[in-house]
Amino acid sequence: MTKPVLYLIACAAGPTQHIDEAVRRAQDAGWDVCLVLTPSAARWWEGRIPKLETLTGHTVRRQYKVPGERDALPKADAVLVAPLSCTSLNKWGAGIADTLALGLASEAVHLGVPVVAMPFFNRAQDAQPAVARSVAALREQGVTVLHGPGGYTPHPPGHGDAVAFPWDVALQALAGPTA
């Protein structure tokens, strides 16, 4: 039996340093994981992308393909955007899809693909009025945004714990194989 495909989209936020752990957890939950990184997040893994490709069995995507190029990834059954940075949240909420990561997430929800997003940023960033507007805009579109109680509660500036990011909470929010 073919496993359902999860697009794990990671932005440049602390937990992305440990994205391989998230991939393993999603695989253990029964997903065929395809990893998509924002350009900034991809820089964090520069030189180690082959390790992620071996782990997932797929090309790690980080930029749009050129016209006529075959898509390297299978079609997604679900999308998890985690960790979602404050910058990417606000761009996505405003409808800006200037990266492959945001383009895939923006399109998926309107194609009927379940989309879950869990941010990772600090309280000072969370206080920016655009954050509440962006969260509301995404929720109105049908994105499950795990922001606040029951998801990720922004941490004090300088005190984020990237290792303790609640990957399991994000994975359980997906309507997936073992969720």
C-alpha atoms as a PDB file:
ATOM      1  CA  MET A   1       0.000   0.000   0.000  1.00  0.00           C
ATOM      2  CA  THR A   2       1.260   3.472  -0.893  1.00  0.00           C
ATOM      3  CA  LYS A   3       1.813   5.852   2.001  1.00  0.00           C
ATOM      4  CA  PRO A   4       0.077   9.246   1.885  1.00  0.00           C
ATOM      5  CA  VAL A   5       2.371  12.104   0.905  1.00  0.00           C
ATOM      6  CA  LEU A   6       3.128  14.917   3.327  1.00  0.00           C
ATOM      7  CA  TYR A   7       4.811  18.101   2.178  1.00  0.00           C
ATOM      8  CA  LEU A   8       6.795  19.308   5.186  1.00  0.00           C
ATOM      9  CA  ILE A   9       7.549  22.969   4.518  1.00  0.00           C
ATOM     10  CA  ALA A  10      10.113  24.556   6.834  1.00  0.00           C
ATOM     11  CA  CYS A  11      11.016  28.220   7.164  1.00  0.00           C
ATOM     12  CA  ALA A  12      14.152  29.774   8.635  1.00  0.00           C
ATOM     13  CA  ALA A  13      13.240  29.398  12.306  1.00  0.00           C
ATOM     14  CA  GLY A  14      15.155  27.641  15.066  1.00  0.00           C
ATOM     15  CA  PRO A  15      13.541  24.177  14.852  1.00  0.00           C
ATOM     16  CA  THR A  16      14.552  23.873  11.192  1.00  0.00           C
ATOM     17  CA  GLN A  17      18.015  23.026  12.519  1.00  0.00           C
ATOM     18  CA  HIS A  18      16.383  19.744  13.582  1.00  0.00           C
ATOM     19  CA  ILE A  19      14.143  19.163  10.553  1.00  0.00           C
ATOM     20  CA  ASP A  20      15.564  15.668  10.157  1.00  0.00           C
ATOM     21  CA  GLU A  21      13.922  14.770  13.471  1.00  0.00           C
ATOM     22  CA  ALA A  22      10.583  16.066  12.193  1.00  0.00           C
ATOM     23  CA  VAL A  23      10.968  13.990   9.028  1.00  0.00           C
ATOM     24  CA  ARG A  24      11.622  10.851  11.092  1.00  0.00           C
ATOM     25  CA  ARG A  25       8.595  11.495  13.309  1.00  0.00           C
ATOM     26  CA  ALA A  26       6.348  12.021  10.290  1.00  0.00           C
ATOM     27  CA  GLN A  27       7.689   8.866   8.673  1.00  0.00           C
ATOM     28  CA  ASP A  28       7.045   6.947  11.907  1.00  0.00           C
ATOM     29  CA  ALA A  29       3.459   8.252  11.774  1.00  0.00           C
ATOM     30  CA  GLY A  30       3.045   6.682   8.314  1.00  0.00           C
ATOM     31  CA  TRP A  31       3.805   9.564   5.947  1.00  0.00           C
ATOM     32  CA  ASP A  32       5.913   9.619   2.792  1.00  0.00           C
ATOM     33  CA  VAL A  33       7.636  12.931   3.528  1.00  0.00           C
ATOM     34  CA  CYS A  34       8.670  15.452   0.882  1.00  0.00           C
ATOM     35  CA  LEU A  35      10.706  18.322   2.295  1.00  0.00           C
ATOM     36  CA  VAL A  36      10.453  21.885   0.995  1.00  0.00           C
ATOM     37  CA  LEU A  37      12.649  24.593   2.504  1.00  0.00           C
ATOM     38  CA  THR A  38      12.498  28.346   2.143  1.00  0.00           C
ATOM     39  CA  PRO A  39      15.679  29.716   0.547  1.00  0.00           C
ATOM     40  CA  SER A  40      16.941  30.956   3.926  1.00  0.00           C
ATOM     41  CA  ALA A  41      16.221  27.618   5.617  1.00  0.00           C
ATOM     42  CA  ALA A  42      18.010  25.803   2.791  1.00  0.00           C
ATOM     43  CA  ARG A  43      21.157  27.822   3.563  1.00  0.00           C
ATOM     44  CA  TRP A  44      21.119  26.343   7.078  1.00  0.00           C
ATOM     45  CA  TRP A  45      21.318  22.851   5.575  1.00  0.00           C
ATOM     46  CA  GLU A  46      23.740  23.756   2.788  1.00  0.00           C
ATOM     47  CA  GLY A  47      26.159  20.885   2.378  1.00  0.00           C
ATOM     48  CA  ARG A  48      23.801  18.530   4.203  1.00  0.00           C
ATOM     49  CA  ILE A  49      20.914  18.533   1.705  1.00  0.00           C
ATOM     50  CA  PRO A  50      22.002  15.092   0.412  1.00  0.00           C
ATOM     51  CA  LYS A  51      21.488  13.734   3.945  1.00  0.00           C
ATOM     52  CA  LEU A  52      17.887  14.999   3.884  1.00  0.00           C
ATOM     53  CA  GLU A  53      17.325  13.595   0.389  1.00  0.00           C
ATOM     54  CA  THR A  54      18.555  10.184   1.533  1.00  0.00           C
ATOM     55  CA  LEU A  55      16.287  10.389   4.580  1.00  0.00           C
ATOM     56  CA  THR A  56      13.163  11.321   2.588  1.00  0.00           C
ATOM     57  CA  GLY A  57      13.917   9.508  -0.668  1.00  0.00           C
ATOM     58  CA  HIS A  58      12.956  12.696  -2.521  1.00  0.00           C
ATOM     59  CA  THR A  59      14.635  15.795  -3.869  1.00  0.00           C
ATOM     60  CA  VAL A  60      14.589  18.584  -1.281  1.00  0.00           C
ATOM     61  CA  ARG A  61      12.877  21.483  -3.052  1.00  0.00           C
ATOM     62  CA  ARG A  62      13.812  25.070  -2.300  1.00  0.00           C
ATOM     63  CA  GLN A  63      12.997  27.047  -5.422  1.00  0.00           C
ATOM     64  CA  TYR A  64      10.450  27.146  -8.189  1.00  0.00           C
ATOM     65  CA  LYS A  65      11.132  24.897 -11.154  1.00  0.00           C
ATOM     66  CA  VAL A  66      11.577  26.390 -14.604  1.00  0.00           C
ATOM     67  CA  PRO A  67       8.777  26.127 -17.182  1.00  0.00           C
ATOM     68  CA  GLY A  68       8.713  22.705 -18.815  1.00  0.00           C
ATOM     69  CA  GLU A  69      10.686  21.051 -16.018  1.00  0.00           C
ATOM     70  CA  ARG A  70       9.076  17.915 -14.620  1.00  0.00           C
ATOM     71  CA  ASP A  71       7.842  18.141 -11.037  1.00  0.00           C
ATOM     72  CA  ALA A  72      10.243  16.250  -8.778  1.00  0.00           C
ATOM     73  CA  LEU A  73       7.724  15.514  -6.018  1.00  0.00           C
ATOM     74  CA  PRO A  74       4.562  13.410  -5.915  1.00  0.00           C
ATOM     75  CA  LYS A  75       1.239  15.161  -5.290  1.00  0.00           C
ATOM     76  CA  ALA A  76       0.637  16.084  -1.637  1.00  0.00           C
ATOM     77  CA  ASP A  77      -2.129  14.540   0.453  1.00  0.00           C
ATOM     78  CA  ALA A  78      -1.432  17.032   3.256  1.00  0.00           C
ATOM     79  CA  VAL A  79       0.856  19.978   3.968  1.00  0.00           C
ATOM     80  CA  LEU A  80       2.544  20.890   7.236  1.00  0.00           C
ATOM     81  CA  VAL A  81       4.230  24.283   7.411  1.00  0.00           C
ATOM     82  CA  ALA A  82       6.463  24.088  10.461  1.00  0.00           C
ATOM     83  CA  PRO A  83       8.271  25.863  11.781  1.00  0.00           C
ATOM     84  CA  LEU A  84       6.557  28.896  10.305  1.00  0.00           C
ATOM     85  CA  SER A  85       8.582  32.083  10.773  1.00  0.00           C
ATOM     86  CA  CYS A  86       6.963  35.428  11.513  1.00  0.00           C
ATOM     87  CA  THR A  87       8.101  36.778   8.145  1.00  0.00           C
ATOM     88  CA  SER A  88       6.668  33.860   6.187  1.00  0.00           C
ATOM     89  CA  LEU A  89       3.426  33.952   8.201  1.00  0.00           C
ATOM     90  CA  ASN A  90       2.865  37.594   7.311  1.00  0.00           C
ATOM     91  CA  LYS A  91       3.799  37.152   3.663  1.00  0.00           C
ATOM     92  CA  TRP A  92       1.507  34.112   3.358  1.00  0.00           C
ATOM     93  CA  GLY A  93      -1.323  35.909   5.151  1.00  0.00           C
ATOM     94  CA  ALA A  94      -0.977  38.803   2.687  1.00  0.00           C
ATOM     95  CA  GLY A  95      -1.069  36.447  -0.284  1.00  0.00           C
ATOM     96  CA  ILE A  96       2.600  36.853  -1.196  1.00  0.00           C
ATOM     97  CA  ALA A  97       4.021  33.650  -2.657  1.00  0.00           C
ATOM     98  CA  ASP A  98       7.522  34.717  -3.611  1.00  0.00           C
ATOM     99  CA  THR A  99       9.076  31.392  -2.577  1.00  0.00           C
ATOM    100  CA  LEU A 100       8.217  27.844  -3.578  1.00  0.00           C
ATOM    101  CA  ALA A 101       7.413  27.089   0.060  1.00  0.00           C
ATOM    102  CA  LEU A 102       4.768  29.814   0.285  1.00  0.00           C
ATOM    103  CA  GLY A 103       3.476  29.120  -3.218  1.00  0.00           C
ATOM    104  CA  LEU A 104       2.834  25.460  -2.427  1.00  0.00           C
ATOM    105  CA  ALA A 105       1.171  26.254   0.896  1.00  0.00           C
ATOM    106  CA  SER A 106      -0.963  29.024  -0.606  1.00  0.00           C
ATOM    107  CA  GLU A 107      -2.161  26.841  -3.454  1.00  0.00           C
ATOM    108  CA  ALA A 108      -2.713  23.634  -1.475  1.00  0.00           C
ATOM    109  CA  VAL A 109      -5.472  24.949   0.765  1.00  0.00           C
ATOM    110  CA  HIS A 110      -7.440  26.126  -2.280  1.00  0.00           C
ATOM    111  CA  LEU A 111      -7.013  22.741  -3.941  1.00  0.00           C
ATOM    112  CA  GLY A 112      -8.666  21.001  -1.003  1.00  0.00           C
ATOM    113  CA  VAL A 113      -5.440  19.689   0.514  1.00  0.00           C
ATOM    114  CA  PRO A 114      -5.415  19.844   4.338  1.00  0.00           C
ATOM    115  CA  VAL A 115      -2.874  22.434   5.507  1.00  0.00           C
ATOM    116  CA  VAL A 116      -1.580  22.793   9.064  1.00  0.00           C
ATOM    117  CA  ALA A 117       0.832  25.519  10.148  1.00  0.00           C
ATOM    118  CA  MET A 118       2.718  25.876  13.422  1.00  0.00           C
ATOM    119  CA  PRO A 119       4.777  29.010  14.024  1.00  0.00           C
ATOM    120  CA  PHE A 120       7.976  29.486  15.973  1.00  0.00           C
ATOM    121  CA  PHE A 121       8.789  33.067  16.889  1.00  0.00           C
ATOM    122  CA  ASN A 122       9.079  35.235  19.962  1.00  0.00           C
ATOM    123  CA  ARG A 123       6.566  37.391  21.838  1.00  0.00           C
ATOM    124  CA  ALA A 124       8.000  40.642  20.494  1.00  0.00           C
ATOM    125  CA  GLN A 125       7.406  39.444  16.940  1.00  0.00           C
ATOM    126  CA  ASP A 126       3.984  38.102  17.945  1.00  0.00           C
ATOM    127  CA  ALA A 127       3.019  41.582  19.194  1.00  0.00           C
ATOM    128  CA  GLN A 128       3.253  42.953  15.636  1.00  0.00           C
ATOM    129  CA  PRO A 129      -0.383  43.682  14.602  1.00  0.00           C
ATOM    130  CA  ALA A 130       0.178  41.978  11.245  1.00  0.00           C
ATOM    131  CA  VAL A 131       0.548  38.619  13.021  1.00  0.00           C
ATOM    132  CA  ALA A 132      -3.044  38.508  14.298  1.00  0.00           C
ATOM    133  CA  ARG A 133      -4.325  39.620  10.885  1.00  0.00           C
ATOM    134  CA  SER A 134      -2.259  36.962   9.106  1.00  0.00           C
ATOM    135  CA  VAL A 135      -3.368  34.176  11.450  1.00  0.00           C
ATOM    136  CA  ALA A 136      -6.996  35.224  10.959  1.00  0.00           C
ATOM    137  CA  ALA A 137      -6.603  35.422   7.167  1.00  0.00           C
ATOM    138  CA  LEU A 138      -5.110  31.938   6.972  1.00  0.00           C
ATOM    139  CA  ARG A 139      -7.757  30.455   9.265  1.00  0.00           C
ATOM    140  CA  GLU A 140     -10.495  32.046   7.134  1.00  0.00           C
ATOM    141  CA  GLN A 141      -9.046  30.196   4.146  1.00  0.00           C
ATOM    142  CA  GLY A 142      -9.150  26.874   5.979  1.00  0.00           C
ATOM    143  CA  VAL A 143      -5.571  26.590   7.222  1.00  0.00           C
ATOM    144  CA  THR A 144      -5.275  25.047  10.686  1.00  0.00           C
ATOM    145  CA  VAL A 145      -2.931  27.501  12.395  1.00  0.00           C
ATOM    146  CA  LEU A 146      -1.562  26.115  15.660  1.00  0.00           C
ATOM    147  CA  HIS A 147      -0.762  29.472  17.231  1.00  0.00           C
ATOM    148  CA  GLY A 148      -1.332  29.954  20.938  1.00  0.00           C
ATOM    149  CA  PRO A 149      -2.867  27.452  23.386  1.00  0.00           C
ATOM    150  CA  GLY A 150      -2.976  23.953  21.951  1.00  0.00           C
ATOM    151  CA  GLY A 151      -0.228  24.825  19.483  1.00  0.00           C
ATOM    152  CA  TYR A 152       2.907  26.900  19.791  1.00  0.00           C
ATOM    153  CA  THR A 153       2.831  29.795  22.222  1.00  0.00           C
ATOM    154  CA  PRO A 154       5.440  32.418  21.325  1.00  0.00           C
ATOM    155  CA  HIS A 155       8.462  32.418  23.622  1.00  0.00           C
ATOM    156  CA  PRO A 156      10.216  35.326  25.334  1.00  0.00           C
ATOM    157  CA  PRO A 157      12.831  36.955  23.055  1.00  0.00           C
ATOM    158  CA  GLY A 158      16.103  35.053  23.217  1.00  0.00           C
ATOM    159  CA  HIS A 159      14.534  32.065  24.979  1.00  0.00           C
ATOM    160  CA  GLY A 160      13.146  29.880  22.202  1.00  0.00           C
ATOM    161  CA  ASP A 161      13.818  26.174  22.611  1.00  0.00           C
ATOM    162  CA  ALA A 162      14.221  24.806  19.097  1.00  0.00           C
ATOM    163  CA  VAL A 163      14.860  21.269  20.351  1.00  0.00           C
ATOM    164  CA  ALA A 164      11.573  21.205  22.281  1.00  0.00           C
ATOM    165  CA  PHE A 165       9.446  22.331  19.308  1.00  0.00           C
ATOM    166  CA  PRO A 166       6.195  20.285  19.533  1.00  0.00           C
ATOM    167  CA  TRP A 167       6.445  18.371  16.227  1.00  0.00           C
ATOM    168  CA  ASP A 168       4.052  15.721  17.531  1.00  0.00           C
ATOM    169  CA  VAL A 169       1.319  18.318  18.159  1.00  0.00           C
ATOM    170  CA  ALA A 170       1.673  19.526  14.568  1.00  0.00           C
ATOM    171  CA  LEU A 171       1.617  15.986  13.170  1.00  0.00           C
ATOM    172  CA  GLN A 172      -1.437  15.049  15.252  1.00  0.00           C
ATOM    173  CA  ALA A 173      -3.313  18.023  13.797  1.00  0.00           C
ATOM    174  CA  LEU A 174      -3.072  16.440  10.347  1.00  0.00           C
ATOM    175  CA  ALA A 175      -5.810  14.077   9.214  1.00  0.00           C
ATOM    176  CA  GLY A 176      -3.160  11.477   8.511  1.00  0.00           C
ATOM    177  CA  PRO A 177      -2.448   7.798   8.693  1.00  0.00           C
ATOM    178  CA  THR A 178      -2.088   7.520  12.475  1.00  0.00           C
ATOM    179  CA  ALA A 179      -3.286  10.952  13.586  1.00  0.00           C
END
